[in-house]
PDB file of all heavy atoms in Angstrom:
ATOM      1  N   ALA A   1      10.491 -16.832  21.272  1.00  0.00           N
ATOM      2  CA  ALA A   1      11.247 -15.629  20.906  1.00  0.00           C
ATOM      3  C   ALA A   1      11.509 -15.611  19.415  1.00  0.00           C
ATOM      4  O   ALA A   1      11.409 -14.560  18.756  1.00  0.00           O
ATOM      5  CB  ALA A   1      12.539 -15.611  21.681  1.00  0.00           C
ATOM      6  N   HIS A   2      11.885 -16.744  18.880  1.00  0.00           N
ATOM      7  CA  HIS A   2      12.122 -16.829  17.421  1.00  0.00           C
ATOM      8  C   HIS A   2      10.845 -16.521  16.661  1.00  0.00           C
ATOM      9  O   HIS A   2      10.861 -15.814  15.638  1.00  0.00           O
ATOM     10  CB  HIS A   2      12.646 -18.248  17.072  1.00  0.00           C
ATOM     11  CG  HIS A   2      12.881 -18.418  15.597  1.00  0.00           C
ATOM     12  ND1 HIS A   2      13.910 -17.822  14.936  1.00  0.00           N
ATOM     13  CD2 HIS A   2      12.172 -19.141  14.681  1.00  0.00           C
ATOM     14  CE1 HIS A   2      13.854 -18.150  13.672  1.00  0.00           C
ATOM     15  NE2 HIS A   2      12.829 -18.953  13.474  1.00  0.00           N
ATOM     16  N   THR A   3       9.729 -17.054  17.196  1.00  0.00           N
ATOM     17  CA  THR A   3       8.460 -16.793  16.547  1.00  0.00           C
ATOM     18  C   THR A   3       8.107 -15.309  16.593  1.00  0.00           C
ATOM     19  O   THR A   3       7.632 -14.718  15.610  1.00  0.00           O
ATOM     20  CB  THR A   3       7.334 -17.582  17.212  1.00  0.00           C
ATOM     21  OG1 THR A   3       7.660 -18.998  17.109  1.00  0.00           O
ATOM     22  CG2 THR A   3       5.981 -17.323  16.563  1.00  0.00           C
ATOM     23  N   ARG A   4       8.356 -14.678  17.770  1.00  0.00           N
ATOM     24  CA  ARG A   4       8.057 -13.244  17.867  1.00  0.00           C
ATOM     25  C   ARG A   4       8.911 -12.421  16.909  1.00  0.00           C
ATOM     26  O   ARG A   4       8.464 -11.459  16.305  1.00  0.00           O
ATOM     27  CB  ARG A   4       8.246 -12.776  19.326  1.00  0.00           C
ATOM     28  CG  ARG A   4       7.152 -13.196  20.238  1.00  0.00           C
ATOM     29  CD  ARG A   4       7.214 -12.482  21.593  1.00  0.00           C
ATOM     30  NE  ARG A   4       8.444 -12.816  22.302  1.00  0.00           N
ATOM     31  CZ  ARG A   4       8.502 -13.851  23.162  1.00  0.00           C
ATOM     32  NH1 ARG A   4       7.434 -14.596  23.372  1.00  0.00           N
ATOM     33  NH2 ARG A   4       9.623 -14.116  23.827  1.00  0.00           N
ATOM     34  N   ALA A   5      10.205 -12.820  16.817  1.00  0.00           N
ATOM     35  CA  ALA A   5      11.063 -12.110  15.874  1.00  0.00           C
ATOM     36  C   ALA A   5      10.595 -12.282  14.441  1.00  0.00           C
ATOM     37  O   ALA A   5      10.571 -11.353  13.639  1.00  0.00           O
ATOM     38  CB  ALA A   5      12.508 -12.625  16.018  1.00  0.00           C
ATOM     39  N   GLN A   6      10.136 -13.525  14.174  1.00  0.00           N
ATOM     40  CA  GLN A   6       9.617 -13.807  12.840  1.00  0.00           C
ATOM     41  C   GLN A   6       8.377 -12.982  12.575  1.00  0.00           C
ATOM     42  O   GLN A   6       8.204 -12.367  11.510  1.00  0.00           O
ATOM     43  CB  GLN A   6       9.267 -15.305  12.717  1.00  0.00           C
ATOM     44  CG  GLN A   6      10.080 -15.983  11.626  1.00  0.00           C
ATOM     45  CD  GLN A   6       9.634 -17.439  11.468  1.00  0.00           C
ATOM     46  OE1 GLN A   6       9.152 -18.060  12.408  1.00  0.00           O
ATOM     47  NE2 GLN A   6       9.802 -17.944  10.275  1.00  0.00           N
ATOM     48  N   LEU A   7       7.490 -12.951  13.608  1.00  0.00           N
ATOM     49  CA  LEU A   7       6.255 -12.192  13.465  1.00  0.00           C
ATOM     50  C   LEU A   7       6.556 -10.707  13.277  1.00  0.00           C
ATOM     51  O   LEU A   7       5.913 -10.013  12.504  1.00  0.00           O
ATOM     52  CB  LEU A   7       5.370 -12.418  14.683  1.00  0.00           C
ATOM     53  CG  LEU A   7       4.642 -13.768  14.752  1.00  0.00           C
ATOM     54  CD1 LEU A   7       3.917 -13.904  16.082  1.00  0.00           C
ATOM     55  CD2 LEU A   7       3.655 -13.894  13.592  1.00  0.00           C
ATOM     56  N   ALA A   8       7.529 -10.209  14.049  1.00  0.00           N
ATOM     57  CA  ALA A   8       7.886  -8.788  13.920  1.00  0.00           C
ATOM     58  C   ALA A   8       8.388  -8.491  12.527  1.00  0.00           C
ATOM     59  O   ALA A   8       8.018  -7.485  11.888  1.00  0.00           O
ATOM     60  CB  ALA A   8       8.929  -8.426  14.967  1.00  0.00           C
ATOM     61  N   GLY A   9       9.263  -9.382  11.998  1.00  0.00           N
ATOM     62  CA  GLY A   9       9.753  -9.149  10.646  1.00  0.00           C
ATOM     63  C   GLY A   9       8.664  -9.214   9.598  1.00  0.00           C
ATOM     64  O   GLY A   9       8.588  -8.368   8.678  1.00  0.00           O
ATOM     65  N   VAL A  10       7.771 -10.211   9.770  1.00  0.00           N
ATOM     66  CA  VAL A  10       6.669 -10.325   8.820  1.00  0.00           C
ATOM     67  C   VAL A  10       5.781  -9.100   8.926  1.00  0.00           C
ATOM     68  O   VAL A  10       5.275  -8.583   7.905  1.00  0.00           O
ATOM     69  CB  VAL A  10       5.886 -11.646   9.100  1.00  0.00           C
ATOM     70  CG1 VAL A  10       4.566 -11.632   8.311  1.00  0.00           C
ATOM     71  CG2 VAL A  10       6.757 -12.826   8.704  1.00  0.00           C
ATOM     72  N   THR A  11       5.535  -8.695  10.180  1.00  0.00           N
ATOM     73  CA  THR A  11       4.659  -7.526  10.362  1.00  0.00           C
ATOM     74  C   THR A  11       5.207  -6.291   9.653  1.00  0.00           C
ATOM     75  O   THR A  11       4.478  -5.570   8.942  1.00  0.00           O
ATOM     76  CB  THR A  11       4.468  -7.211  11.864  1.00  0.00           C
ATOM     77  OG1 THR A  11       3.898  -8.360  12.509  1.00  0.00           O
ATOM     78  CG2 THR A  11       3.592  -5.987  12.074  1.00  0.00           C
ATOM     79  N   TRP A  12       6.498  -6.068   9.814  1.00  0.00           N
ATOM     80  CA  TRP A  12       7.101  -4.914   9.135  1.00  0.00           C
ATOM     81  C   TRP A  12       7.065  -5.079   7.639  1.00  0.00           C
ATOM     82  O   TRP A  12       6.807  -4.116   6.906  1.00  0.00           O
ATOM     83  CB  TRP A  12       8.545  -4.712   9.620  1.00  0.00           C
ATOM     84  CG  TRP A  12       8.622  -4.060  10.955  1.00  0.00           C
ATOM     85  CD1 TRP A  12       8.981  -4.621  12.146  1.00  0.00           C
ATOM     86  CD2 TRP A  12       8.307  -2.679  11.223  1.00  0.00           C
ATOM     87  NE1 TRP A  12       8.937  -3.711  13.150  1.00  0.00           N
ATOM     88  CE2 TRP A  12       8.502  -2.482  12.625  1.00  0.00           C
ATOM     89  CE3 TRP A  12       7.889  -1.620  10.448  1.00  0.00           C
ATOM     90  CZ2 TRP A  12       8.308  -1.265  13.236  1.00  0.00           C
ATOM     91  CZ3 TRP A  12       7.687  -0.385  11.059  1.00  0.00           C
ATOM     92  CH2 TRP A  12       7.884  -0.221  12.426  1.00  0.00           C
ATOM     93  N   ARG A  13       7.355  -6.312   7.184  1.00  0.00           N
ATOM     94  CA  ARG A  13       7.324  -6.511   5.723  1.00  0.00           C
ATOM     95  C   ARG A  13       5.915  -6.344   5.177  1.00  0.00           C
ATOM     96  O   ARG A  13       5.698  -5.729   4.126  1.00  0.00           O
ATOM     97  CB  ARG A  13       7.869  -7.904   5.392  1.00  0.00           C
ATOM     98  CG  ARG A  13       9.392  -8.027   5.523  1.00  0.00           C
ATOM     99  CD  ARG A  13       9.908  -9.307   4.895  1.00  0.00           C
ATOM    100  NE  ARG A  13       9.415 -10.494   5.622  1.00  0.00           N
ATOM    101  CZ  ARG A  13      10.081 -11.009   6.644  1.00  0.00           C
ATOM    102  NH1 ARG A  13      11.199 -10.436   7.103  1.00  0.00           N
ATOM    103  NH2 ARG A  13       9.594 -12.114   7.250  1.00  0.00           N
ATOM    104  N   VAL A  14       4.926  -6.915   5.882  1.00  0.00           N
ATOM    105  CA  VAL A  14       3.552  -6.760   5.424  1.00  0.00           C
ATOM    106  C   VAL A  14       3.121  -5.302   5.487  1.00  0.00           C
ATOM    107  O   VAL A  14       2.483  -4.779   4.544  1.00  0.00           O
ATOM    108  CB  VAL A  14       2.608  -7.622   6.288  1.00  0.00           C
ATOM    109  CG1 VAL A  14       1.132  -7.295   5.992  1.00  0.00           C
ATOM    110  CG2 VAL A  14       2.857  -9.114   6.027  1.00  0.00           C
ATOM    111  N   ALA A  15       3.499  -4.629   6.608  1.00  0.00           N
ATOM    112  CA  ALA A  15       3.129  -3.197   6.702  1.00  0.00           C
ATOM    113  C   ALA A  15       3.782  -2.391   5.613  1.00  0.00           C
ATOM    114  O   ALA A  15       3.137  -1.517   4.988  1.00  0.00           O
ATOM    115  CB  ALA A  15       3.542  -2.676   8.092  1.00  0.00           C
ATOM    116  N   GLY A  16       5.048  -2.670   5.357  1.00  0.00           N
ATOM    117  CA  GLY A  16       5.731  -1.935   4.278  1.00  0.00           C
ATOM    118  C   GLY A  16       5.105  -2.230   2.917  1.00  0.00           C
ATOM    119  O   GLY A  16       4.897  -1.326   2.092  1.00  0.00           O
ATOM    120  N   GLY A  17       4.818  -3.530   2.687  1.00  0.00           N
ATOM    121  CA  GLY A  17       4.180  -3.883   1.435  1.00  0.00           C
ATOM    122  C   GLY A  17       2.817  -3.253   1.267  1.00  0.00           C
ATOM    123  O   GLY A  17       2.478  -2.766   0.188  1.00  0.00           O
ATOM    124  N   LEU A  18       2.051  -3.282   2.396  1.00  0.00           N
ATOM    125  CA  LEU A  18       0.725  -2.692   2.323  1.00  0.00           C
ATOM    126  C   LEU A  18       0.819  -1.186   2.112  1.00  0.00           C
ATOM    127  O   LEU A  18       0.036  -0.591   1.375  1.00  0.00           O
ATOM    128  CB  LEU A  18      -0.064  -2.994   3.574  1.00  0.00           C
ATOM    129  CG  LEU A  18      -0.515  -4.464   3.757  1.00  0.00           C
ATOM    130  CD1 LEU A  18      -1.193  -4.638   5.114  1.00  0.00           C
ATOM    131  CD2 LEU A  18      -1.454  -4.859   2.634  1.00  0.00           C
ATOM    132  N   ALA A  19       1.773  -0.558   2.788  1.00  0.00           N
ATOM    133  CA  ALA A  19       1.951   0.883   2.624  1.00  0.00           C
ATOM    134  C   ALA A  19       2.294   1.221   1.173  1.00  0.00           C
ATOM    135  O   ALA A  19       1.761   2.157   0.566  1.00  0.00           O
ATOM    136  CB  ALA A  19       3.040   1.407   3.556  1.00  0.00           C
ATOM    137  N   ALA A  20       3.220   0.403   0.608  1.00  0.00           N
ATOM    138  CA  ALA A  20       3.566   0.616  -0.795  1.00  0.00           C
ATOM    139  C   ALA A  20       2.380   0.365  -1.709  1.00  0.00           C
ATOM    140  O   ALA A  20       2.108   1.120  -2.652  1.00  0.00           O
ATOM    141  CB  ALA A  20       4.741  -0.293  -1.209  1.00  0.00           C
ATOM    142  N   LEU A  21       1.604  -0.722  -1.375  1.00  0.00           N
ATOM    143  CA  LEU A  21       0.416  -1.007  -2.148  1.00  0.00           C
ATOM    144  C   LEU A  21      -0.604   0.129  -2.050  1.00  0.00           C
ATOM    145  O   LEU A  21      -1.179   0.582  -3.048  1.00  0.00           O
ATOM    146  CB  LEU A  21      -0.214  -2.315  -1.660  1.00  0.00           C
ATOM    147  CG  LEU A  21      -1.504  -2.745  -2.333  1.00  0.00           C
ATOM    148  CD1 LEU A  21      -1.337  -2.976  -3.817  1.00  0.00           C
ATOM    149  CD2 LEU A  21      -2.113  -3.961  -1.646  1.00  0.00           C
ATOM    150  N   TYR A  22      -0.818   0.615  -0.811  1.00  0.00           N
ATOM    151  CA  TYR A  22      -1.736   1.715  -0.611  1.00  0.00           C
ATOM    152  C   TYR A  22      -1.291   2.960  -1.360  1.00  0.00           C
ATOM    153  O   TYR A  22      -2.094   3.679  -1.926  1.00  0.00           O
ATOM    154  CB  TYR A  22      -1.889   2.052   0.845  1.00  0.00           C
ATOM    155  CG  TYR A  22      -2.546   0.933   1.655  1.00  0.00           C
ATOM    156  CD1 TYR A  22      -2.335   0.824   3.034  1.00  0.00           C
ATOM    157  CD2 TYR A  22      -3.387   0.014   1.047  1.00  0.00           C
ATOM    158  CE1 TYR A  22      -2.942  -0.178   3.777  1.00  0.00           C
ATOM    159  CE2 TYR A  22      -3.973  -0.998   1.791  1.00  0.00           C
ATOM    160  CZ  TYR A  22      -3.752  -1.107   3.138  1.00  0.00           C
ATOM    161  OH  TYR A  22      -4.341  -2.090   3.872  1.00  0.00           O
ATOM    162  N   LEU A  23       0.021   3.175  -1.377  1.00  0.00           N
ATOM    163  CA  LEU A  23       0.552   4.347  -2.076  1.00  0.00           C
ATOM    164  C   LEU A  23       0.294   4.202  -3.579  1.00  0.00           C
ATOM    165  O   LEU A  23      -0.160   5.156  -4.247  1.00  0.00           O
ATOM    166  CB  LEU A  23       2.035   4.492  -1.831  1.00  0.00           C
ATOM    167  CG  LEU A  23       2.741   5.647  -2.536  1.00  0.00           C
ATOM    168  CD1 LEU A  23       2.110   6.989  -2.137  1.00  0.00           C
ATOM    169  CD2 LEU A  23       4.240   5.633  -2.244  1.00  0.00           C
ATOM    170  N   VAL A  24       0.562   3.016  -4.113  1.00  0.00           N
ATOM    171  CA  VAL A  24       0.324   2.787  -5.545  1.00  0.00           C
ATOM    172  C   VAL A  24      -1.176   2.904  -5.858  1.00  0.00           C
ATOM    173  O   VAL A  24      -1.573   3.556  -6.828  1.00  0.00           O
ATOM    174  CB  VAL A  24       0.856   1.405  -5.952  1.00  0.00           C
ATOM    175  CG1 VAL A  24       0.407   1.064  -7.382  1.00  0.00           C
ATOM    176  CG2 VAL A  24       2.372   1.344  -5.845  1.00  0.00           C
ATOM    177  N   LEU A  25      -1.998   2.300  -4.965  1.00  0.00           N
ATOM    178  CA  LEU A  25      -3.441   2.397  -5.184  1.00  0.00           C
ATOM    179  C   LEU A  25      -3.927   3.829  -5.090  1.00  0.00           C
ATOM    180  O   LEU A  25      -4.794   4.267  -5.822  1.00  0.00           O
ATOM    181  CB  LEU A  25      -4.182   1.516  -4.146  1.00  0.00           C
ATOM    182  CG  LEU A  25      -4.035   0.016  -4.345  1.00  0.00           C
ATOM    183  CD1 LEU A  25      -4.760  -0.703  -3.218  1.00  0.00           C
ATOM    184  CD2 LEU A  25      -4.569  -0.444  -5.691  1.00  0.00           C
ATOM    185  N   ALA A  26      -3.358   4.556  -4.117  1.00  0.00           N
ATOM    186  CA  ALA A  26      -3.740   5.961  -3.971  1.00  0.00           C
ATOM    187  C   ALA A  26      -3.354   6.766  -5.210  1.00  0.00           C
ATOM    188  O   ALA A  26      -4.133   7.598  -5.712  1.00  0.00           O
ATOM    189  CB  ALA A  26      -3.056   6.566  -2.748  1.00  0.00           C
ATOM    190  N   LEU A  27      -2.136   6.495  -5.739  1.00  0.00           N
ATOM    191  CA  LEU A  27      -1.720   7.183  -6.975  1.00  0.00           C
ATOM    192  C   LEU A  27      -2.636   6.786  -8.138  1.00  0.00           C
ATOM    193  O   LEU A  27      -3.054   7.653  -8.932  1.00  0.00           O
ATOM    194  CB  LEU A  27      -0.279   6.825  -7.316  1.00  0.00           C
ATOM    195  CG  LEU A  27       0.771   7.437  -6.360  1.00  0.00           C
ATOM    196  CD1 LEU A  27       2.158   6.881  -6.690  1.00  0.00           C
ATOM    197  CD2 LEU A  27       0.779   8.953  -6.429  1.00  0.00           C
ATOM    198  N   LEU A  28      -2.930   5.513  -8.201  1.00  0.00           N
ATOM    199  CA  LEU A  28      -3.825   5.065  -9.291  1.00  0.00           C
ATOM    200  C   LEU A  28      -5.216   5.689  -9.131  1.00  0.00           C
ATOM    201  O   LEU A  28      -5.836   6.115 -10.109  1.00  0.00           O
ATOM    202  CB  LEU A  28      -3.944   3.523  -9.264  1.00  0.00           C
ATOM    203  CG  LEU A  28      -2.735   2.737  -9.786  1.00  0.00           C
ATOM    204  CD1 LEU A  28      -2.949   1.244  -9.572  1.00  0.00           C
ATOM    205  CD2 LEU A  28      -2.494   3.022 -11.269  1.00  0.00           C
ATOM    206  N   ALA A  29      -5.715   5.693  -7.911  1.00  0.00           N
ATOM    207  CA  ALA A  29      -7.036   6.295  -7.651  1.00  0.00           C
ATOM    208  C   ALA A  29      -7.018   7.761  -7.987  1.00  0.00           C
ATOM    209  O   ALA A  29      -7.971   8.290  -8.591  1.00  0.00           O
ATOM    210  CB  ALA A  29      -7.446   6.056  -6.198  1.00  0.00           C
ATOM    211  N   TRP A  30      -5.955   8.451  -7.585  1.00  0.00           N
ATOM    212  CA  TRP A  30      -5.864   9.896  -7.857  1.00  0.00           C
ATOM    213  C   TRP A  30      -5.802  10.145  -9.354  1.00  0.00           C
ATOM    214  O   TRP A  30      -6.510  11.010  -9.881  1.00  0.00           O
ATOM    215  CB  TRP A  30      -4.607  10.458  -7.168  1.00  0.00           C
ATOM    216  CG  TRP A  30      -4.323  11.890  -7.593  1.00  0.00           C
ATOM    217  CD1 TRP A  30      -4.917  13.022  -7.145  1.00  0.00           C
ATOM    218  CD2 TRP A  30      -3.341  12.304  -8.581  1.00  0.00           C
ATOM    219  NE1 TRP A  30      -4.381  14.120  -7.776  1.00  0.00           N
ATOM    220  CE2 TRP A  30      -3.419  13.704  -8.649  1.00  0.00           C
ATOM    221  CE3 TRP A  30      -2.412  11.602  -9.365  1.00  0.00           C
ATOM    222  CZ2 TRP A  30      -2.598  14.408  -9.512  1.00  0.00           C
ATOM    223  CZ3 TRP A  30      -1.628  12.316 -10.210  1.00  0.00           C
ATOM    224  CH2 TRP A  30      -1.703  13.719 -10.292  1.00  0.00           C
ATOM    225  N   TRP A  31      -4.976   9.338 -10.062  1.00  0.00           N
ATOM    226  CA  TRP A  31      -4.832   9.547 -11.502  1.00  0.00           C
ATOM    227  C   TRP A  31      -6.137   9.197 -12.204  1.00  0.00           C
ATOM    228  O   TRP A  31      -6.600   9.902 -13.105  1.00  0.00           O
ATOM    229  CB  TRP A  31      -3.696   8.651 -12.009  1.00  0.00           C
ATOM    230  CG  TRP A  31      -3.496   8.786 -13.506  1.00  0.00           C
ATOM    231  CD1 TRP A  31      -2.784   9.707 -14.162  1.00  0.00           C
ATOM    232  CD2 TRP A  31      -4.041   7.912 -14.487  1.00  0.00           C
ATOM    233  NE1 TRP A  31      -2.826   9.493 -15.527  1.00  0.00           N
ATOM    234  CE2 TRP A  31      -3.602   8.380 -15.756  1.00  0.00           C
ATOM    235  CE3 TRP A  31      -4.841   6.769 -14.455  1.00  0.00           C
ATOM    236  CZ2 TRP A  31      -3.950   7.771 -16.938  1.00  0.00           C
ATOM    237  CZ3 TRP A  31      -5.189   6.157 -15.635  1.00  0.00           C
ATOM    238  CH2 TRP A  31      -4.747   6.645 -16.867  1.00  0.00           C
ATOM    239  N   THR A  32      -6.790   8.095 -11.775  1.00  0.00           N
ATOM    240  CA  THR A  32      -8.023   7.685 -12.400  1.00  0.00           C
ATOM    241  C   THR A  32      -9.125   8.704 -12.122  1.00  0.00           C
ATOM    242  O   THR A  32      -9.876   9.077 -13.034  1.00  0.00           O
ATOM    243  CB  THR A  32      -8.450   6.313 -11.865  1.00  0.00           C
ATOM    244  OG1 THR A  32      -7.414   5.353 -12.094  1.00  0.00           O
ATOM    245  CG2 THR A  32      -9.723   5.837 -12.575  1.00  0.00           C
ATOM    246  N   THR A  33      -9.180   9.166 -10.875  1.00  0.00           N
ATOM    247  CA  THR A  33     -10.191  10.157 -10.529  1.00  0.00           C
ATOM    248  C   THR A  33     -10.007  11.461 -11.317  1.00  0.00           C
ATOM    249  O   THR A  33     -10.947  12.045 -11.823  1.00  0.00           O
ATOM    250  CB  THR A  33     -10.179  10.455  -9.034  1.00  0.00           C
ATOM    251  OG1 THR A  33     -10.367   9.227  -8.306  1.00  0.00           O
ATOM    252  CG2 THR A  33     -11.257  11.447  -8.642  1.00  0.00           C
ATOM    253  N   ARG A  34      -8.739  11.881 -11.414  1.00  0.00           N
ATOM    254  CA  ARG A  34      -8.464  13.085 -12.160  1.00  0.00           C
ATOM    255  C   ARG A  34      -8.819  12.900 -13.643  1.00  0.00           C
ATOM    256  O   ARG A  34      -9.420  13.788 -14.273  1.00  0.00           O
ATOM    257  CB  ARG A  34      -6.983  13.479 -12.047  1.00  0.00           C
ATOM    258  CG  ARG A  34      -6.676  14.841 -12.653  1.00  0.00           C
ATOM    259  CD  ARG A  34      -5.194  15.157 -12.557  1.00  0.00           C
ATOM    260  NE  ARG A  34      -4.382  14.269 -13.354  1.00  0.00           N
ATOM    261  CZ  ARG A  34      -3.107  14.489 -13.644  1.00  0.00           C
ATOM    262  NH1 ARG A  34      -2.508  15.565 -13.195  1.00  0.00           N
ATOM    263  NH2 ARG A  34      -2.411  13.615 -14.347  1.00  0.00           N
ATOM    264  N   SER A  35      -8.492  11.730 -14.225  1.00  0.00           N
ATOM    265  CA  SER A  35      -8.782  11.468 -15.609  1.00  0.00           C
ATOM    266  C   SER A  35     -10.301  11.425 -15.827  1.00  0.00           C
ATOM    267  O   SER A  35     -10.805  12.000 -16.794  1.00  0.00           O
ATOM    268  CB  SER A  35      -8.158  10.145 -16.046  1.00  0.00           C
ATOM    269  OG  SER A  35      -6.767  10.172 -15.956  1.00  0.00           O
ATOM    270  N   LEU A  36     -10.988  10.748 -14.897  1.00  0.00           N
ATOM    271  CA  LEU A  36     -12.460  10.693 -15.026  1.00  0.00           C
ATOM    272  C   LEU A  36     -13.080  12.073 -14.868  1.00  0.00           C
ATOM    273  O   LEU A  36     -14.042  12.418 -15.563  1.00  0.00           O
ATOM    274  CB  LEU A  36     -13.018   9.730 -13.999  1.00  0.00           C
ATOM    275  CG  LEU A  36     -12.739   8.226 -14.206  1.00  0.00           C
ATOM    276  CD1 LEU A  36     -13.268   7.414 -13.078  1.00  0.00           C
ATOM    277  CD2 LEU A  36     -13.372   7.759 -15.529  1.00  0.00           C
ATOM    278  N   SER A  37     -12.527  12.854 -13.943  1.00  0.00           N
ATOM    279  CA  SER A  37     -13.057  14.222 -13.751  1.00  0.00           C
ATOM    280  C   SER A  37     -12.831  15.061 -15.007  1.00  0.00           C
ATOM    281  O   SER A  37     -13.723  15.804 -15.433  1.00  0.00           O
ATOM    282  CB  SER A  37     -12.388  14.870 -12.543  1.00  0.00           C
ATOM    283  OG  SER A  37     -12.632  14.143 -11.356  1.00  0.00           O
ATOM    284  N   ARG A  38     -11.634  14.936 -15.552  1.00  0.00           N
ATOM    285  CA  ARG A  38     -11.366  15.687 -16.804  1.00  0.00           C
ATOM    286  C   ARG A  38     -12.241  15.226 -17.940  1.00  0.00           C
ATOM    287  O   ARG A  38     -12.760  16.015 -18.709  1.00  0.00           O
ATOM    288  CB  ARG A  38      -9.871  15.539 -17.182  1.00  0.00           C
ATOM    289  CG  ARG A  38      -8.936  16.291 -16.256  1.00  0.00           C
ATOM    290  CD  ARG A  38      -7.483  16.112 -16.690  1.00  0.00           C
ATOM    291  NE  ARG A  38      -6.572  16.900 -15.876  1.00  0.00           N
ATOM    292  CZ  ARG A  38      -5.260  16.875 -16.054  1.00  0.00           C
ATOM    293  NH1 ARG A  38      -4.718  16.097 -16.957  1.00  0.00           N
ATOM    294  NH2 ARG A  38      -4.481  17.627 -15.266  1.00  0.00           N
ATOM    295  N   TYR A  39     -12.422  13.906 -18.010  1.00  0.00           N
ATOM    296  CA  TYR A  39     -13.257  13.355 -19.078  1.00  0.00           C
ATOM    297  C   TYR A  39     -14.716  13.832 -18.883  1.00  0.00           C
ATOM    298  O   TYR A  39     -15.379  14.245 -19.842  1.00  0.00           O
ATOM    299  CB  TYR A  39     -13.217  11.823 -19.050  1.00  0.00           C
ATOM    300  CG  TYR A  39     -14.155  11.158 -20.033  1.00  0.00           C
ATOM    301  CD1 TYR A  39     -13.825  11.116 -21.384  1.00  0.00           C
ATOM    302  CD2 TYR A  39     -15.349  10.595 -19.616  1.00  0.00           C
ATOM    303  CE1 TYR A  39     -14.690  10.524 -22.281  1.00  0.00           C
ATOM    304  CE2 TYR A  39     -16.217  10.005 -20.508  1.00  0.00           C
ATOM    305  CZ  TYR A  39     -15.867   9.950 -21.844  1.00  0.00           C
ATOM    306  OH  TYR A  39     -16.717   9.365 -22.730  1.00  0.00           O
ATOM    307  N   ALA A  40     -15.194  13.776 -17.617  1.00  0.00           N
ATOM    308  CA  ALA A  40     -16.549  14.245 -17.350  1.00  0.00           C
ATOM    309  C   ALA A  40     -16.687  15.726 -17.679  1.00  0.00           C
ATOM    310  O   ALA A  40     -17.699  16.166 -18.210  1.00  0.00           O
ATOM    311  CB  ALA A  40     -16.915  13.958 -15.884  1.00  0.00           C
TER     312      ALA A  40
END
């Protein structure tokens, strides 16, 4: 039970971190793509 609780907490933390990372990467990709499109 302790392990499952730990796993659940880690899962949420990893999911949240990945979501934040994906959001940052998406923003970076959007900004980079827009900059490259404008440059092109």
